[in-house]
PDB file of N, CA and C in Angstrom:
ATOM      1  N   MET A   1     138.679  93.001 111.510  1.00  0.00           N
ATOM      2  CA  MET A   1     138.925  91.797 112.260  1.00  0.00           C
ATOM      3  C   MET A   1     140.252  91.927 112.999  1.00  0.00           C
ATOM      4  N   LEU A   2     140.273  91.479 114.199  1.00  0.00           N
ATOM      5  CA  LEU A   2     141.497  91.528 115.000  1.00  0.00           C
ATOM      6  C   LEU A   2     142.369  90.332 114.635  1.00  0.00           C
ATOM      7  N   ASP A   3     143.374  90.577 113.828  1.00  0.00           N
ATOM      8  CA  ASP A   3     144.245  89.487 113.405  1.00  0.00           C
ATOM      9  C   ASP A   3     145.456  89.375 114.330  1.00  0.00           C
ATOM     10  N   PRO A   4     146.141  88.259 114.290  1.00  0.00           N
ATOM     11  CA  PRO A   4     147.284  88.045 115.184  1.00  0.00           C
ATOM     12  C   PRO A   4     148.384  89.097 115.037  1.00  0.00           C
ATOM     13  N   SER A   5     148.614  89.601 113.821  1.00  0.00           N
ATOM     14  CA  SER A   5     149.668  90.610 113.646  1.00  0.00           C
ATOM     15  C   SER A   5     149.305  91.913 114.365  1.00  0.00           C
ATOM     16  N   PHE A   6     148.018  92.280 114.372  1.00  0.00           N
ATOM     17  CA  PHE A   6     147.583  93.469 115.109  1.00  0.00           C
ATOM     18  C   PHE A   6     147.782  93.260 116.602  1.00  0.00           C
ATOM     19  N   LEU A   7     147.344  92.122 117.102  1.00  0.00           N
ATOM     20  CA  LEU A   7     147.470  91.831 118.535  1.00  0.00           C
ATOM     21  C   LEU A   7     148.937  91.814 118.971  1.00  0.00           C
ATOM     22  N   GLU A   8     149.799  91.317 118.115  1.00  0.00           N
ATOM     23  CA  GLU A   8     151.233  91.305 118.427  1.00  0.00           C
ATOM     24  C   GLU A   8     151.785  92.731 118.448  1.00  0.00           C
ATOM     25  N   ALA A   9     151.325  93.573 117.525  1.00  0.00           N
ATOM     26  CA  ALA A   9     151.814  94.950 117.432  1.00  0.00           C
ATOM     27  C   ALA A   9     151.432  95.784 118.652  1.00  0.00           C
ATOM     28  N   VAL A  10     150.262  95.537 119.238  1.00  0.00           N
ATOM     29  CA  VAL A  10     149.808  96.345 120.381  1.00  0.00           C
ATOM     30  C   VAL A  10     150.194  95.731 121.721  1.00  0.00           C
ATOM     31  N   LYS A  11     150.811  94.576 121.678  1.00  0.00           N
ATOM     32  CA  LYS A  11     151.166  93.858 122.901  1.00  0.00           C
ATOM     33  C   LYS A  11     152.024  94.693 123.856  1.00  0.00           C
ATOM     34  N   LEU A  12     152.904  95.520 123.330  1.00  0.00           N
ATOM     35  CA  LEU A  12     153.793  96.340 124.166  1.00  0.00           C
ATOM     36  C   LEU A  12     153.036  97.398 124.970  1.00  0.00           C
ATOM     37  N   LEU A  13     151.833  97.751 124.522  1.00  0.00           N
ATOM     38  CA  LEU A  13     151.043  98.759 125.237  1.00  0.00           C
ATOM     39  C   LEU A  13     150.284  98.192 126.434  1.00  0.00           C
ATOM     40  N   LEU A  14     150.194  96.888 126.517  1.00  0.00           N
ATOM     41  CA  LEU A  14     149.398  96.234 127.557  1.00  0.00           C
ATOM     42  C   LEU A  14     150.062  96.318 128.925  1.00  0.00           C
ATOM     43  N   THR A  15     149.291  96.775 129.898  1.00  0.00           N
ATOM     44  CA  THR A  15     149.698  96.713 131.301  1.00  0.00           C
ATOM     45  C   THR A  15     148.918  95.562 131.916  1.00  0.00           C
ATOM     46  N   PRO A  16     149.610  94.499 132.300  1.00  0.00           N
ATOM     47  CA  PRO A  16     148.903  93.303 132.772  1.00  0.00           C
ATOM     48  C   PRO A  16     148.039  93.564 134.013  1.00  0.00           C
ATOM     49  N   TRP A  17     146.966  92.820 134.092  1.00  0.00           N
ATOM     50  CA  TRP A  17     146.077  92.778 135.253  1.00  0.00           C
ATOM     51  C   TRP A  17     145.305  94.064 135.506  1.00  0.00           C
ATOM     52  N   THR A  18     145.165  94.906 134.497  1.00  0.00           N
ATOM     53  CA  THR A  18     144.359  96.123 134.677  1.00  0.00           C
ATOM     54  C   THR A  18     142.961  95.966 134.086  1.00  0.00           C
ATOM     55  N   GLY A  19     142.738  94.898 133.379  1.00  0.00           N
ATOM     56  CA  GLY A  19     141.429  94.666 132.769  1.00  0.00           C
ATOM     57  C   GLY A  19     141.348  95.134 131.333  1.00  0.00           C
ATOM     58  N   THR A  20     142.342  95.914 130.898  1.00  0.00           N
ATOM     59  CA  THR A  20     142.271  96.409 129.525  1.00  0.00           C
ATOM     60  C   THR A  20     142.448  95.297 128.505  1.00  0.00           C
ATOM     61  N   GLU A  21     143.077  94.193 128.909  1.00  0.00           N
ATOM     62  CA  GLU A  21     143.229  93.072 127.983  1.00  0.00           C
ATOM     63  C   GLU A  21     141.867  92.479 127.617  1.00  0.00           C
ATOM     64  N   LEU A  22     140.885  92.677 128.480  1.00  0.00           N
ATOM     65  CA  LEU A  22     139.517  92.234 128.202  1.00  0.00           C
ATOM     66  C   LEU A  22     138.677  93.354 127.592  1.00  0.00           C
ATOM     67  N   MET A  23     138.919  94.568 128.062  1.00  0.00           N
ATOM     68  CA  MET A  23     138.113  95.702 127.627  1.00  0.00           C
ATOM     69  C   MET A  23     138.416  96.115 126.182  1.00  0.00           C
ATOM     70  N   ALA A  24     139.674  96.064 125.779  1.00  0.00           N
ATOM     71  CA  ALA A  24     140.049  96.540 124.435  1.00  0.00           C
ATOM     72  C   ALA A  24     139.317  95.770 123.327  1.00  0.00           C
ATOM     73  N   PRO A  25     139.325  94.430 123.334  1.00  0.00           N
ATOM     74  CA  PRO A  25     138.574  93.715 122.301  1.00  0.00           C
ATOM     75  C   PRO A  25     137.065  93.972 122.388  1.00  0.00           C
ATOM     76  N   LEU A  26     136.558  94.166 123.599  1.00  0.00           N
ATOM     77  CA  LEU A  26     135.140  94.479 123.755  1.00  0.00           C
ATOM     78  C   LEU A  26     134.811  95.834 123.129  1.00  0.00           C
ATOM     79  N   LEU A  27     135.643  96.838 123.389  1.00  0.00           N
ATOM     80  CA  LEU A  27     135.423  98.155 122.800  1.00  0.00           C
ATOM     81  C   LEU A  27     135.496  98.096 121.281  1.00  0.00           C
ATOM     82  N   TYR A  28     136.444  97.319 120.764  1.00  0.00           N
ATOM     83  CA  TYR A  28     136.539  97.137 119.313  1.00  0.00           C
ATOM     84  C   TYR A  28     135.220  96.567 118.776  1.00  0.00           C
ATOM     85  N   THR A  29     134.736  95.530 119.425  1.00  0.00           N
ATOM     86  CA  THR A  29     133.507  94.873 118.981  1.00  0.00           C
ATOM     87  C   THR A  29     132.302  95.809 119.077  1.00  0.00           C
ATOM     88  N   LEU A  30     132.204  96.566 120.150  1.00  0.00           N
ATOM     89  CA  LEU A  30     131.086  97.507 120.301  1.00  0.00           C
ATOM     90  C   LEU A  30     131.125  98.600 119.242  1.00  0.00           C
ATOM     91  N   ALA A  31     132.317  99.131 118.980  1.00  0.00           N
ATOM     92  CA  ALA A  31     132.445 100.173 117.954  1.00  0.00           C
ATOM     93  C   ALA A  31     132.092  99.618 116.579  1.00  0.00           C
ATOM     94  N   ARG A  32     132.486  98.386 116.308  1.00  0.00           N
ATOM     95  CA  ARG A  32     132.144  97.757 115.028  1.00  0.00           C
ATOM     96  C   ARG A  32     130.645  97.475 114.954  1.00  0.00           C
ATOM     97  N   PHE A  33     130.077  96.966 116.041  1.00  0.00           N
ATOM     98  CA  PHE A  33     128.660  96.612 116.062  1.00  0.00           C
ATOM     99  C   PHE A  33     127.773  97.838 115.842  1.00  0.00           C
ATOM    100  N   THR A  34     128.140  98.947 116.456  1.00  0.00           N
ATOM    101  CA  THR A  34     127.337 100.165 116.332  1.00  0.00           C
ATOM    102  C   THR A  34     127.705 100.994 115.110  1.00  0.00           C
ATOM    103  N   ARG A  35     128.718 100.526 114.365  1.00  0.00           N
ATOM    104  CA  ARG A  35     129.195 101.226 113.172  1.00  0.00           C
ATOM    105  C   ARG A  35     129.601 102.666 113.488  1.00  0.00           C
ATOM    106  N   ALA A  36     130.298 102.816 114.598  1.00  0.00           N
ATOM    107  CA  ALA A  36     130.733 104.147 115.036  1.00  0.00           C
ATOM    108  C   ALA A  36     131.597 104.812 113.966  1.00  0.00           C
ATOM    109  N   ARG A  37     131.410 106.129 113.825  1.00  0.00           N
ATOM    110  CA  ARG A  37     132.254 106.909 112.926  1.00  0.00           C
ATOM    111  C   ARG A  37     133.214 107.790 113.707  1.00  0.00           C
ATOM    112  N   THR A  38     132.854 108.084 114.953  1.00  0.00           N
ATOM    113  CA  THR A  38     133.722 108.867 115.832  1.00  0.00           C
ATOM    114  C   THR A  38     133.665 108.267 117.226  1.00  0.00           C
ATOM    115  N   VAL A  39     134.738 108.465 117.960  1.00  0.00           N
ATOM    116  CA  VAL A  39     134.827 107.965 119.328  1.00  0.00           C
ATOM    117  C   VAL A  39     135.580 109.003 120.144  1.00  0.00           C
ATOM    118  N   LEU A  40     135.128 109.253 121.347  1.00  0.00           N
ATOM    119  CA  LEU A  40     135.859 110.101 122.281  1.00  0.00           C
ATOM    120  C   LEU A  40     136.395 109.195 123.373  1.00  0.00           C
ATOM    121  N   GLU A  41     137.708 109.147 123.479  1.00  0.00           N
ATOM    122  CA  GLU A  41     138.326 108.285 124.468  1.00  0.00           C
ATOM    123  C   GLU A  41     139.252 109.105 125.342  1.00  0.00           C
ATOM    124  N   GLY A  42     139.187 108.856 126.622  1.00  0.00           N
ATOM    125  CA  GLY A  42     140.114 109.494 127.553  1.00  0.00           C
ATOM    126  C   GLY A  42     141.287 108.565 127.771  1.00  0.00           C
ATOM    127  N   GLY A  43     142.461 109.032 127.470  1.00  0.00           N
ATOM    128  CA  GLY A  43     143.645 108.200 127.638  1.00  0.00           C
ATOM    129  C   GLY A  43     144.246 107.835 126.304  1.00  0.00           C
ATOM    130  N   SER A  44     145.367 107.165 126.373  1.00  0.00           N
ATOM    131  CA  SER A  44     146.025 106.728 125.143  1.00  0.00           C
ATOM    132  C   SER A  44     146.845 105.481 125.442  1.00  0.00           C
ATOM    133  N   GLY A  45     146.146 104.486 125.920  1.00  0.00           N
ATOM    134  CA  GLY A  45     146.819 103.247 126.299  1.00  0.00           C
ATOM    135  C   GLY A  45     146.476 102.113 125.379  1.00  0.00           C
ATOM    136  N   TYR A  46     146.247 100.978 125.952  1.00  0.00           N
ATOM    137  CA  TYR A  46     146.034  99.752 125.209  1.00  0.00           C
ATOM    138  C   TYR A  46     144.745  99.770 124.389  1.00  0.00           C
ATOM    139  N   THR A  47     143.696 100.427 124.861  1.00  0.00           N
ATOM    140  CA  THR A  47     142.419 100.418 124.137  1.00  0.00           C
ATOM    141  C   THR A  47     142.421 101.338 122.918  1.00  0.00           C
ATOM    142  N   THR A  48     143.290 102.341 122.904  1.00  0.00           N
ATOM    143  CA  THR A  48     143.296 103.323 121.814  1.00  0.00           C
ATOM    144  C   THR A  48     143.476 102.684 120.440  1.00  0.00           C
ATOM    145  N   PRO A  49     144.476 101.830 120.221  1.00  0.00           N
ATOM    146  CA  PRO A  49     144.605 101.250 118.884  1.00  0.00           C
ATOM    147  C   PRO A  49     143.429 100.352 118.502  1.00  0.00           C
ATOM    148  N   PHE A  50     142.784  99.747 119.481  1.00  0.00           N
ATOM    149  CA  PHE A  50     141.615  98.913 119.186  1.00  0.00           C
ATOM    150  C   PHE A  50     140.468  99.777 118.659  1.00  0.00           C
ATOM    151  N   LEU A  51     140.267 100.930 119.291  1.00  0.00           N
ATOM    152  CA  LEU A  51     139.214 101.830 118.822  1.00  0.00           C
ATOM    153  C   LEU A  51     139.574 102.435 117.469  1.00  0.00           C
ATOM    154  N   ALA A  52     140.834 102.787 117.293  1.00  0.00           N
ATOM    155  CA  ALA A  52     141.274 103.343 116.006  1.00  0.00           C
ATOM    156  C   ALA A  52     141.086 102.310 114.893  1.00  0.00           C
ATOM    157  N   LYS A  53     141.413 101.067 115.179  1.00  0.00           N
ATOM    158  CA  LYS A  53     141.231 100.004 114.186  1.00  0.00           C
ATOM    159  C   LYS A  53     139.755  99.792 113.882  1.00  0.00           C
ATOM    160  N   ALA A  54     138.912  99.857 114.898  1.00  0.00           N
ATOM    161  CA  ALA A  54     137.470  99.704 114.677  1.00  0.00           C
ATOM    162  C   ALA A  54     136.950 100.804 113.758  1.00  0.00           C
ATOM    163  N   LEU A  55     137.385 102.039 113.987  1.00  0.00           N
ATOM    164  CA  LEU A  55     136.941 103.143 113.134  1.00  0.00           C
ATOM    165  C   LEU A  55     137.424 102.959 111.702  1.00  0.00           C
ATOM    166  N   ALA A  56     138.670 102.540 111.537  1.00  0.00           N
ATOM    167  CA  ALA A  56     139.194 102.295 110.194  1.00  0.00           C
ATOM    168  C   ALA A  56     138.453 101.147 109.517  1.00  0.00           C
ATOM    169  N   ASP A  57     138.194 100.082 110.261  1.00  0.00           N
ATOM    170  CA  ASP A  57     137.455  98.943 109.708  1.00  0.00           C
ATOM    171  C   ASP A  57     136.028  99.340 109.346  1.00  0.00           C
ATOM    172  N   ASN A  58     135.409 100.195 110.163  1.00  0.00           N
ATOM    173  CA  ASN A  58     134.063 100.670 109.856  1.00  0.00           C
ATOM    174  C   ASN A  58     134.052 101.479 108.562  1.00  0.00           C
ATOM    175  N   ALA A  59     135.019 102.376 108.401  1.00  0.00           N
ATOM    176  CA  ALA A  59     135.092 103.196 107.189  1.00  0.00           C
ATOM    177  C   ALA A  59     135.281 102.311 105.965  1.00  0.00           C
ATOM    178  N   HIS A  60     136.133 101.307 106.081  1.00  0.00           N
ATOM    179  CA  HIS A  60     136.353 100.378 104.970  1.00  0.00           C
ATOM    180  C   HIS A  60     135.071  99.598 104.663  1.00  0.00           C
ATOM    181  N   ALA A  61     134.376  99.148 105.695  1.00  0.00           N
ATOM    182  CA  ALA A  61     133.140  98.383 105.504  1.00  0.00           C
ATOM    183  C   ALA A  61     132.067  99.221 104.816  1.00  0.00           C
ATOM    184  N   VAL A  62     131.973 100.490 105.176  1.00  0.00           N
ATOM    185  CA  VAL A  62     130.986 101.373 104.541  1.00  0.00           C
ATOM    186  C   VAL A  62     131.281 101.496 103.051  1.00  0.00           C
ATOM    187  N   GLU A  63     132.541 101.688 102.697  1.00  0.00           N
ATOM    188  CA  GLU A  63     132.903 101.792 101.285  1.00  0.00           C
ATOM    189  C   GLU A  63     132.615 100.488 100.542  1.00  0.00           C
ATOM    190  N   GLU A  64     132.906  99.364 101.163  1.00  0.00           N
ATOM    191  CA  GLU A  64     132.619  98.070 100.537  1.00  0.00           C
ATOM    192  C   GLU A  64     131.109  97.867 100.362  1.00  0.00           C
ATOM    193  N   GLU A  65     130.325  98.263 101.360  1.00  0.00           N
ATOM    194  CA  GLU A  65     128.874  98.124 101.262  1.00  0.00           C
ATOM    195  C   GLU A  65     128.314  99.041 100.181  1.00  0.00           C
ATOM    196  N   ARG A  66     128.851 100.257 100.076  1.00  0.00           N
ATOM    197  CA  ARG A  66     128.410 101.175  99.008  1.00  0.00           C
ATOM    198  C   ARG A  66     128.704 100.587  97.639  1.00  0.00           C
ATOM    199  N   ARG A  67     129.919 100.049  97.470  1.00  0.00           N
ATOM    200  CA  ARG A  67     130.297  99.460  96.194  1.00  0.00           C
ATOM    201  C   ARG A  67     129.367  98.289  95.860  1.00  0.00           C
ATOM    202  N   ALA A  68     129.135  97.424  96.820  1.00  0.00           N
ATOM    203  CA  ALA A  68     128.271  96.264  96.595  1.00  0.00           C
ATOM    204  C   ALA A  68     126.836  96.695  96.274  1.00  0.00           C
ATOM    205  N   MET A  69     126.334  97.689  96.981  1.00  0.00           N
ATOM    206  CA  MET A  69     124.977  98.171  96.733  1.00  0.00           C
ATOM    207  C   MET A  69     124.871  98.811  95.351  1.00  0.00           C
ATOM    208  N   ARG A  70     125.901  99.572  94.988  1.00  0.00           N
ATOM    209  CA  ARG A  70     125.902 100.209  93.667  1.00  0.00           C
ATOM    210  C   ARG A  70     125.888  99.136  92.572  1.00  0.00           C
ATOM    211  N   GLU A  71     126.732  98.109  92.715  1.00  0.00           N
ATOM    212  CA  GLU A  71     126.757  97.029  91.732  1.00  0.00           C
ATOM    213  C   GLU A  71     125.421  96.301  91.682  1.00  0.00           C
ATOM    214  N   LYS A  72     124.842  96.094  92.835  1.00  0.00           N
ATOM    215  CA  LYS A  72     123.577  95.358  92.921  1.00  0.00           C
ATOM    216  C   LYS A  72     122.436  96.132  92.270  1.00  0.00           C
ATOM    217  N   THR A  73     122.437  97.451  92.403  1.00  0.00           N
ATOM    218  CA  THR A  73     121.297  98.241  91.928  1.00  0.00           C
ATOM    219  C   THR A  73     121.510  98.887  90.568  1.00  0.00           C
ATOM    220  N   GLU A  74     122.725  98.819  90.008  1.00  0.00           N
ATOM    221  CA  GLU A  74     122.970  99.467  88.713  1.00  0.00           C
ATOM    222  C   GLU A  74     121.972  99.027  87.653  1.00  0.00           C
ATOM    223  N   ARG A  75     121.701  97.749  87.599  1.00  0.00           N
ATOM    224  CA  ARG A  75     120.779  97.204  86.591  1.00  0.00           C
ATOM    225  C   ARG A  75     119.389  97.814  86.753  1.00  0.00           C
ATOM    226  N   TYR A  76     118.931  97.944  87.992  1.00  0.00           N
ATOM    227  CA  TYR A  76     117.592  98.477  88.236  1.00  0.00           C
ATOM    228  C   TYR A  76     117.531  99.968  87.941  1.00  0.00           C
ATOM    229  N   VAL A  77     118.564 100.676  88.305  1.00  0.00           N
ATOM    230  CA  VAL A  77     118.595 102.116  88.047  1.00  0.00           C
ATOM    231  C   VAL A  77     118.616 102.371  86.551  1.00  0.00           C
ATOM    232  N   ALA A  78     119.391 101.580  85.799  1.00  0.00           N
ATOM    233  CA  ALA A  78     119.430 101.729  84.349  1.00  0.00           C
ATOM    234  C   ALA A  78     118.041 101.484  83.764  1.00  0.00           C
ATOM    235  N   ASP A  79     117.329 100.463  84.272  1.00  0.00           N
ATOM    236  CA  ASP A  79     115.974 100.200  83.802  1.00  0.00           C
ATOM    237  C   ASP A  79     115.058 101.377  84.091  1.00  0.00           C
ATOM    238  N   LEU A  80     115.159 101.950  85.277  1.00  0.00           N
ATOM    239  CA  LEU A  80     114.314 103.093  85.636  1.00  0.00           C
ATOM    240  C   LEU A  80     114.634 104.299  84.774  1.00  0.00           C
ATOM    241  N   ASP A  81     115.922 104.552  84.543  1.00  0.00           N
ATOM    242  CA  ASP A  81     116.304 105.684  83.708  1.00  0.00           C
ATOM    243  C   ASP A  81     115.814 105.499  82.277  1.00  0.00           C
ATOM    244  N   ALA A  82     115.823 104.268  81.779  1.00  0.00           N
ATOM    245  CA  ALA A  82     115.345 103.991  80.423  1.00  0.00           C
ATOM    246  C   ALA A  82     113.839 104.192  80.324  1.00  0.00           C
ATOM    247  N   MET A  83     113.128 104.041  81.428  1.00  0.00           N
ATOM    248  CA  MET A  83     111.670 104.168  81.418  1.00  0.00           C
ATOM    249  C   MET A  83     111.195 105.592  81.660  1.00  0.00           C
ATOM    250  N   GLN A  84     112.077 106.539  81.741  1.00  0.00           N
ATOM    251  CA  GLN A  84     111.669 107.913  82.038  1.00  0.00           C
ATOM    252  C   GLN A  84     110.698 108.475  81.005  1.00  0.00           C
ATOM    253  N   ASP A  85     110.851 108.078  79.748  1.00  0.00           N
ATOM    254  CA  ASP A  85     109.975 108.610  78.703  1.00  0.00           C
ATOM    255  C   ASP A  85     108.678 107.821  78.560  1.00  0.00           C
ATOM    256  N   THR A  86     108.551 106.727  79.289  1.00  0.00           N
ATOM    257  CA  THR A  86     107.345 105.902  79.219  1.00  0.00           C
ATOM    258  C   THR A  86     106.395 106.321  80.330  1.00  0.00           C
ATOM    259  N   PRO A  87     105.186 106.755  79.975  1.00  0.00           N
ATOM    260  CA  PRO A  87     104.251 107.136  81.029  1.00  0.00           C
ATOM    261  C   PRO A  87     103.858 105.933  81.881  1.00  0.00           C
ATOM    262  N   ALA A  88     103.871 106.133  83.161  1.00  0.00           N
ATOM    263  CA  ALA A  88     103.489 105.070  84.093  1.00  0.00           C
ATOM    264  C   ALA A  88     102.070 105.316  84.576  1.00  0.00           C
ATOM    265  N   PRO A  89     101.298 104.249  84.755  1.00  0.00           N
ATOM    266  CA  PRO A  89      99.941 104.439  85.275  1.00  0.00           C
ATOM    267  C   PRO A  89     100.013 104.849  86.750  1.00  0.00           C
ATOM    268  N   VAL A  90      99.477 106.013  87.041  1.00  0.00           N
ATOM    269  CA  VAL A  90      99.449 106.499  88.420  1.00  0.00           C
ATOM    270  C   VAL A  90      98.086 107.090  88.704  1.00  0.00           C
ATOM    271  N   GLU A  91      97.801 107.201  89.969  1.00  0.00           N
ATOM    272  CA  GLU A  91      96.543 107.808  90.377  1.00  0.00           C
ATOM    273  C   GLU A  91      96.585 109.296  90.079  1.00  0.00           C
ATOM    274  N   PRO A  92      95.439 109.901  89.808  1.00  0.00           N
ATOM    275  CA  PRO A  92      95.425 111.347  89.586  1.00  0.00           C
ATOM    276  C   PRO A  92      95.978 112.082  90.815  1.00  0.00           C
ATOM    277  N   GLY A  93      96.734 113.136  90.555  1.00  0.00           N
ATOM    278  CA  GLY A  93      97.296 113.923  91.645  1.00  0.00           C
ATOM    279  C   GLY A  93      98.618 113.387  92.164  1.00  0.00           C
ATOM    280  N   MET A  94      99.187 112.386  91.507  1.00  0.00           N
ATOM    281  CA  MET A  94     100.459 111.816  91.951  1.00  0.00           C
ATOM    282  C   MET A  94     101.516 112.030  90.865  1.00  0.00           C
ATOM    283  N   ASN A  95     102.736 112.351  91.277  1.00  0.00           N
ATOM    284  CA  ASN A  95     103.865 112.427  90.361  1.00  0.00           C
ATOM    285  C   ASN A  95     104.747 111.214  90.599  1.00  0.00           C
ATOM    286  N   VAL A  96     105.293 110.660  89.547  1.00  0.00           N
ATOM    287  CA  VAL A  96     106.151 109.492  89.666  1.00  0.00           C
ATOM    288  C   VAL A  96     107.597 109.955  89.798  1.00  0.00           C
ATOM    289  N   ALA A  97     108.282 109.436  90.806  1.00  0.00           N
ATOM    290  CA  ALA A  97     109.702 109.729  90.959  1.00  0.00           C
ATOM    291  C   ALA A  97     110.478 108.902  89.946  1.00  0.00           C
ATOM    292  N   LEU A  98     111.572 109.460  89.428  1.00  0.00           N
ATOM    293  CA  LEU A  98     112.353 108.780  88.410  1.00  0.00           C
ATOM    294  C   LEU A  98     113.738 108.441  88.921  1.00  0.00           C
ATOM    295  N   GLY A  99     114.368 107.485  88.263  1.00  0.00           N
ATOM    296  CA  GLY A  99     115.750 107.128  88.578  1.00  0.00           C
ATOM    297  C   GLY A  99     115.881 106.502  89.946  1.00  0.00           C
ATOM    298  N   LEU A 100     117.026 106.749  90.570  1.00  0.00           N
ATOM    299  CA  LEU A 100     117.331 106.150  91.861  1.00  0.00           C
ATOM    300  C   LEU A 100     116.336 106.579  92.930  1.00  0.00           C
ATOM    301  N   THR A 101     115.792 107.790  92.824  1.00  0.00           N
ATOM    302  CA  THR A 101     114.810 108.273  93.785  1.00  0.00           C
ATOM    303  C   THR A 101     113.606 107.338  93.847  1.00  0.00           C
ATOM    304  N   ALA A 102     113.267 106.739  92.721  1.00  0.00           N
ATOM    305  CA  ALA A 102     112.098 105.856  92.669  1.00  0.00           C
ATOM    306  C   ALA A 102     112.264 104.615  93.533  1.00  0.00           C
ATOM    307  N   LEU A 103     113.511 104.209  93.769  1.00  0.00           N
ATOM    308  CA  LEU A 103     113.726 103.039  94.627  1.00  0.00           C
ATOM    309  C   LEU A 103     113.325 103.308  96.061  1.00  0.00           C
ATOM    310  N   TYR A 104     113.467 104.540  96.481  1.00  0.00           N
ATOM    311  CA  TYR A 104     113.243 104.879  97.881  1.00  0.00           C
ATOM    312  C   TYR A 104     111.952 105.653  98.113  1.00  0.00           C
ATOM    313  N   ASN A 105     111.436 106.317  97.097  1.00  0.00           N
ATOM    314  CA  ASN A 105     110.241 107.123  97.228  1.00  0.00           C
ATOM    315  C   ASN A 105     109.477 107.055  95.906  1.00  0.00           C
ATOM    316  N   PRO A 106     108.721 105.977  95.658  1.00  0.00           N
ATOM    317  CA  PRO A 106     108.131 105.763  94.348  1.00  0.00           C
ATOM    318  C   PRO A 106     107.118 106.812  93.912  1.00  0.00           C
ATOM    319  N   THR A 107     106.398 107.394  94.831  1.00  0.00           N
ATOM    320  CA  THR A 107     105.429 108.418  94.442  1.00  0.00           C
ATOM    321  C   THR A 107     105.507 109.585  95.403  1.00  0.00           C
ATOM    322  N   VAL A 108     105.157 110.722  94.876  1.00  0.00           N
ATOM    323  CA  VAL A 108     105.160 111.944  95.672  1.00  0.00           C
ATOM    324  C   VAL A 108     103.812 112.610  95.490  1.00  0.00           C
ATOM    325  N   GLU A 109     103.155 112.957  96.585  1.00  0.00           N
ATOM    326  CA  GLU A 109     101.857 113.630  96.480  1.00  0.00           C
ATOM    327  C   GLU A 109     102.071 115.066  96.031  1.00  0.00           C
ATOM    328  N   VAL A 110     101.152 115.536  95.171  1.00  0.00           N
ATOM    329  CA  VAL A 110     101.229 116.910  94.681  1.00  0.00           C
ATOM    330  C   VAL A 110     100.325 117.779  95.509  1.00  0.00           C
TER     331      VAL A 110
END
């Protein structure tokens, strides 16, 4: 999120009336929206810190989402791991995936 302290810190880089005052927040938003992990930018002016912040915010968001997903699914994964020794009813010719793999690919054809 673009907070006032960030905007104040980059204020010295702004060249008025060039359009970058509008473009920099837009680039930040686009990089965040697309969840960019890398960006190639020509120049090193007012837009650069906005893109750098977007990349840092994206990396932080990915880690937060991983943590939340792990917490959310731990209970289910533990249940699946506990059921590994219990035969599951499946069609002939099918192998049952176990553990976390079962969440994403429940059966595999042989």
